[in-house]
Amino acid sequence: MMRLVLLLGAFTLSLPAKDMIRTSAYVPIWGELEEYLAQELLFKQKNLDAGLADINQKPGFKALIKKHGIKLFGGPVIGKVSPTSAVVWLRTPDSAEVKVVAQPGNITGTARTSKARDFTTEVELKGLKPWTQYSYTL
């Protein structure tokens, strides 16, 4: 058993990870924002689990959000669909009250994003009718 462990150890090699594939800074909005996020979250943070809540108050982040008029930072994503309900997941760049309205029927759900949830929330829409096609606004 000892010889096997030594033999395997002799063939261990370390491979470096590939550098991230970046979006060009010339791509409107996302290129500029992605480069900022890469620098702030990947290269400057000592905490490898850093998220939006760790950088959203920095002046550079706030300036980019304002410059591009970004209201949503992720989503919306629809899930947890049942015959009478659905959940809309989303992320905002800062704390916000979110309202989702589904039509027909003016079905409304509200929720708040917060730093504690990395500015994500789930808005539940209840009272949907089975086999009905809905549109929604945020």
Protein backbone atom coordinates (compact mmCIF):
# COMPACT_ATOMS: atom_id res chain seq x y z
CA MET A 1 0.00 0.00 0.00
CA MET A 2 2.82 2.41 0.80
CA ARG A 3 4.44 1.89 -2.63
CA LEU A 4 1.17 2.76 -4.37
CA VAL A 5 0.89 6.06 -2.53
CA LEU A 6 4.46 6.99 -3.43
CA LEU A 7 3.94 6.01 -7.04
CA LEU A 8 0.84 8.17 -7.34
CA GLY A 9 2.66 11.06 -5.68
CA ALA A 10 5.41 10.86 -8.30
CA PHE A 11 2.93 11.58 -11.09
CA THR A 12 1.08 14.47 -9.46
CA LEU A 13 1.30 17.68 -11.40
CA SER A 14 -0.18 21.08 -10.91
CA LEU A 15 -1.93 22.83 -13.77
CA PRO A 16 -2.63 26.55 -13.68
CA ALA A 17 -6.21 27.67 -14.25
CA LYS A 18 -6.99 29.52 -17.44
CA ASP A 19 -7.40 33.25 -17.20
CA MET A 20 -11.01 34.40 -17.39
CA ILE A 21 -12.41 35.21 -20.81
CA ARG A 22 -13.37 38.83 -20.56
CA THR A 23 -16.02 40.71 -22.49
CA SER A 24 -14.47 43.57 -24.44
CA ALA A 25 -14.67 46.90 -22.65
CA TYR A 26 -16.18 48.22 -25.92
CA VAL A 27 -19.34 46.11 -25.50
CA PRO A 28 -21.95 48.58 -24.25
CA ILE A 29 -22.66 48.40 -20.51
CA TRP A 30 -21.65 44.79 -19.83
CA GLY A 31 -18.02 45.05 -21.00
CA GLU A 32 -17.30 47.99 -18.72
CA LEU A 33 -19.24 46.54 -15.80
CA GLU A 34 -17.71 43.06 -16.13
CA GLU A 35 -14.18 44.44 -15.99
CA TYR A 36 -15.03 46.43 -12.87
CA LEU A 37 -16.59 43.38 -11.20
CA ALA A 38 -13.62 41.18 -12.11
CA GLN A 39 -11.21 43.65 -10.56
CA GLU A 40 -13.26 44.26 -7.41
CA LEU A 41 -14.54 40.74 -6.73
CA LEU A 42 -11.80 38.49 -8.09
CA PHE A 43 -8.57 40.39 -7.76
CA LYS A 44 -8.91 42.91 -4.91
CA GLN A 45 -11.05 40.95 -2.43
CA LYS A 46 -9.36 38.78 0.16
CA ASN A 47 -12.68 37.03 0.71
CA LEU A 48 -13.14 34.52 -2.13
CA ASP A 49 -16.87 34.34 -1.36
CA ALA A 50 -17.35 38.08 -1.92
CA GLY A 51 -20.56 39.16 -3.58
CA LEU A 52 -22.45 42.21 -4.67
CA ALA A 53 -23.04 43.25 -1.05
CA ASP A 54 -19.27 43.62 -0.63
CA ILE A 55 -18.90 46.24 -3.37
CA ASN A 56 -22.24 47.93 -4.01
CA GLN A 57 -21.42 51.00 -1.88
CA LYS A 58 -18.10 51.69 -3.61
CA PRO A 59 -18.07 54.92 -5.64
CA GLY A 60 -16.90 53.16 -8.82
CA PHE A 61 -19.79 50.70 -8.70
CA LYS A 62 -22.36 53.40 -7.96
CA ALA A 63 -21.02 55.51 -10.83
CA LEU A 64 -21.36 52.63 -13.33
CA ILE A 65 -24.88 51.81 -12.16
CA LYS A 66 -25.91 55.45 -12.49
CA LYS A 67 -24.12 55.93 -15.83
CA HIS A 68 -25.96 53.01 -17.42
CA GLY A 69 -29.27 53.42 -15.55
CA ILE A 70 -29.18 49.83 -14.28
CA LYS A 71 -32.23 48.91 -12.22
CA LEU A 72 -31.87 45.11 -12.33
CA PHE A 73 -28.59 43.31 -11.78
CA GLY A 74 -29.89 39.79 -12.35
CA GLY A 75 -33.08 38.23 -13.62
CA PRO A 76 -35.95 38.27 -13.75
CA VAL A 77 -36.20 34.49 -13.62
CA ILE A 78 -39.57 32.76 -13.29
CA GLY A 79 -39.73 29.55 -11.30
CA LYS A 80 -41.65 27.52 -8.73
CA VAL A 81 -44.58 27.56 -11.13
CA SER A 82 -47.79 25.83 -10.04
CA PRO A 83 -51.29 25.97 -11.55
CA THR A 84 -52.12 28.98 -9.36
CA SER A 85 -48.81 30.67 -8.52
CA ALA A 86 -45.32 31.54 -9.71
CA VAL A 87 -42.22 33.12 -8.21
CA VAL A 88 -40.11 35.81 -9.89
CA TRP A 89 -36.45 35.91 -8.75
CA LEU A 90 -34.30 38.98 -9.33
CA ARG A 91 -31.33 40.97 -8.06
CA THR A 92 -31.02 44.74 -7.78
CA PRO A 93 -27.79 46.74 -7.44
CA ASP A 94 -28.88 48.07 -4.02
CA SER A 95 -31.75 47.64 -1.55
CA ALA A 96 -35.07 48.19 -3.28
CA GLU A 97 -38.78 47.54 -3.01
CA VAL A 98 -39.82 45.44 -6.00
CA LYS A 99 -43.32 45.15 -7.42
CA VAL A 100 -44.33 42.59 -10.05
CA VAL A 101 -47.70 42.90 -11.78
CA ALA A 102 -49.09 40.07 -13.93
CA GLN A 103 -51.81 40.59 -16.53
CA PRO A 104 -54.58 39.70 -17.06
CA GLY A 105 -56.04 40.16 -13.64
CA ASN A 106 -53.68 42.78 -12.20
CA ILE A 107 -52.10 40.13 -9.94
CA THR A 108 -49.49 41.87 -7.80
CA GLY A 109 -46.63 40.72 -5.63
CA THR A 110 -44.08 42.81 -3.75
CA ALA A 111 -40.83 42.08 -1.95
CA ARG A 112 -37.67 43.86 -0.85
CA THR A 113 -34.08 43.16 -1.80
CA SER A 114 -31.50 43.54 0.95
CA LYS A 115 -27.82 43.27 1.68
CA ALA A 116 -28.49 40.18 3.83
CA ARG A 117 -29.60 38.31 0.67
CA ASP A 118 -26.97 39.86 -1.64
CA PHE A 119 -29.73 42.10 -3.04
CA THR A 120 -31.85 39.20 -4.33
CA THR A 121 -35.49 38.49 -3.66
CA GLU A 122 -38.34 36.27 -4.72
CA VAL A 123 -41.68 37.86 -5.53
CA GLU A 124 -44.59 35.44 -5.29
CA LEU A 125 -47.58 35.84 -7.57
CA LYS A 126 -50.65 34.09 -6.13
CA GLY A 127 -54.10 33.66 -7.62
CA LEU A 128 -53.06 32.78 -11.16
CA LYS A 129 -55.54 30.79 -13.27
CA PRO A 130 -54.48 27.47 -14.80
CA TRP A 131 -53.89 27.40 -18.57
CA THR A 132 -53.73 31.19 -18.78
CA GLN A 133 -50.95 33.08 -20.52
CA TYR A 134 -49.67 36.01 -18.45
CA SER A 135 -47.40 38.94 -19.15
CA TYR A 136 -45.70 40.78 -16.32
CA THR A 137 -44.02 44.07 -15.54
CA LEU A 138 -41.56 45.01 -12.82
